[in-house]
Amino acid sequence: MDDNLILENYGVRLKQLTHDKIELLRQWRNDPKIQQYMFYREYITPGTL
């Protein structure tokens, strides 16, 4: 697997999630402003991801 995978098109850049960014992603996902748009809206704990 390529650890530097980047997909880019239409001005959007997606980078592969790395283990050191999981907590940042979890905090973003649990933000009420983001959480309201999720299909699964429950709070995600560190053990969930």
C-alpha atoms as a PDB file:
ATOM      1  CA  MET A   1       0.000   0.000   0.000  1.00  0.00           C
ATOM      2  CA  ASP A   2       1.253   3.475  -0.877  1.00  0.00           C
ATOM      3  CA  ASP A   3       1.482   5.577   2.322  1.00  0.00           C
ATOM      4  CA  ASN A   4       1.476   8.772   0.267  1.00  0.00           C
ATOM      5  CA  LEU A   5      -1.803   8.203  -1.553  1.00  0.00           C
ATOM      6  CA  ILE A   6      -3.390  11.512  -2.602  1.00  0.00           C
ATOM      7  CA  LEU A   7      -6.480  11.883  -4.772  1.00  0.00           C
ATOM      8  CA  GLU A   8      -7.032  15.323  -6.221  1.00  0.00           C
ATOM      9  CA  ASN A   9      -9.693  16.657  -8.571  1.00  0.00           C
ATOM     10  CA  TYR A  10     -12.021  19.673  -8.863  1.00  0.00           C
ATOM     11  CA  GLY A  11      -9.998  21.588  -6.276  1.00  0.00           C
ATOM     12  CA  VAL A  12     -10.442  18.885  -3.607  1.00  0.00           C
ATOM     13  CA  ARG A  13      -7.501  16.927  -2.212  1.00  0.00           C
ATOM     14  CA  LEU A  14      -7.999  13.679  -0.287  1.00  0.00           C
ATOM     15  CA  LYS A  15      -5.084  12.171   1.595  1.00  0.00           C
ATOM     16  CA  GLN A  16      -4.917   8.720   3.101  1.00  0.00           C
ATOM     17  CA  LEU A  17      -5.803   8.713   6.804  1.00  0.00           C
ATOM     18  CA  THR A  18      -2.817   7.902   8.975  1.00  0.00           C
ATOM     19  CA  HIS A  19      -2.880   6.532  12.511  1.00  0.00           C
ATOM     20  CA  ASP A  20      -1.534   9.776  13.970  1.00  0.00           C
ATOM     21  CA  LYS A  21      -4.582  11.692  12.616  1.00  0.00           C
ATOM     22  CA  ILE A  22      -7.323   9.378  13.959  1.00  0.00           C
ATOM     23  CA  GLU A  23      -7.911  11.414  17.131  1.00  0.00           C
ATOM     24  CA  LEU A  24      -8.196  14.628  15.096  1.00  0.00           C
ATOM     25  CA  LEU A  25     -10.753  12.949  12.826  1.00  0.00           C
ATOM     26  CA  ARG A  26     -12.742  11.657  15.822  1.00  0.00           C
ATOM     27  CA  GLN A  27     -12.861  15.126  17.395  1.00  0.00           C
ATOM     28  CA  TRP A  28     -14.016  16.648  14.092  1.00  0.00           C
ATOM     29  CA  ARG A  29     -16.666  13.942  13.649  1.00  0.00           C
ATOM     30  CA  ASN A  30     -18.006  14.461  17.194  1.00  0.00           C
ATOM     31  CA  ASP A  31     -18.362  18.221  16.751  1.00  0.00           C
ATOM     32  CA  PRO A  32     -22.128  18.960  16.917  1.00  0.00           C
ATOM     33  CA  LYS A  33     -21.894  21.099  13.762  1.00  0.00           C
ATOM     34  CA  ILE A  34     -20.621  18.049  11.845  1.00  0.00           C
ATOM     35  CA  GLN A  35     -22.417  15.314  13.789  1.00  0.00           C
ATOM     36  CA  GLN A  36     -25.849  16.648  12.812  1.00  0.00           C
ATOM     37  CA  TYR A  37     -25.235  15.685   9.175  1.00  0.00           C
ATOM     38  CA  MET A  38     -24.108  12.116   9.882  1.00  0.00           C
ATOM     39  CA  PHE A  39     -26.313   9.070   9.421  1.00  0.00           C
ATOM     40  CA  TYR A  40     -24.932   7.644  12.690  1.00  0.00           C
ATOM     41  CA  ARG A  41     -25.097  10.577  15.110  1.00  0.00           C
ATOM     42  CA  GLU A  42     -23.961   8.943  18.333  1.00  0.00           C
ATOM     43  CA  TYR A  43     -20.786  10.161  20.043  1.00  0.00           C
ATOM     44  CA  ILE A  44     -17.770   8.148  18.902  1.00  0.00           C
ATOM     45  CA  THR A  45     -15.338   7.160  21.643  1.00  0.00           C
ATOM     46  CA  PRO A  46     -11.617   6.487  21.115  1.00  0.00           C
ATOM     47  CA  GLY A  47     -12.262   2.736  21.247  1.00  0.00           C
ATOM     48  CA  THR A  48     -14.856   2.924  18.439  1.00  0.00           C
ATOM     49  CA  LEU A  49     -12.456   3.805  15.612  1.00  0.00           C
END
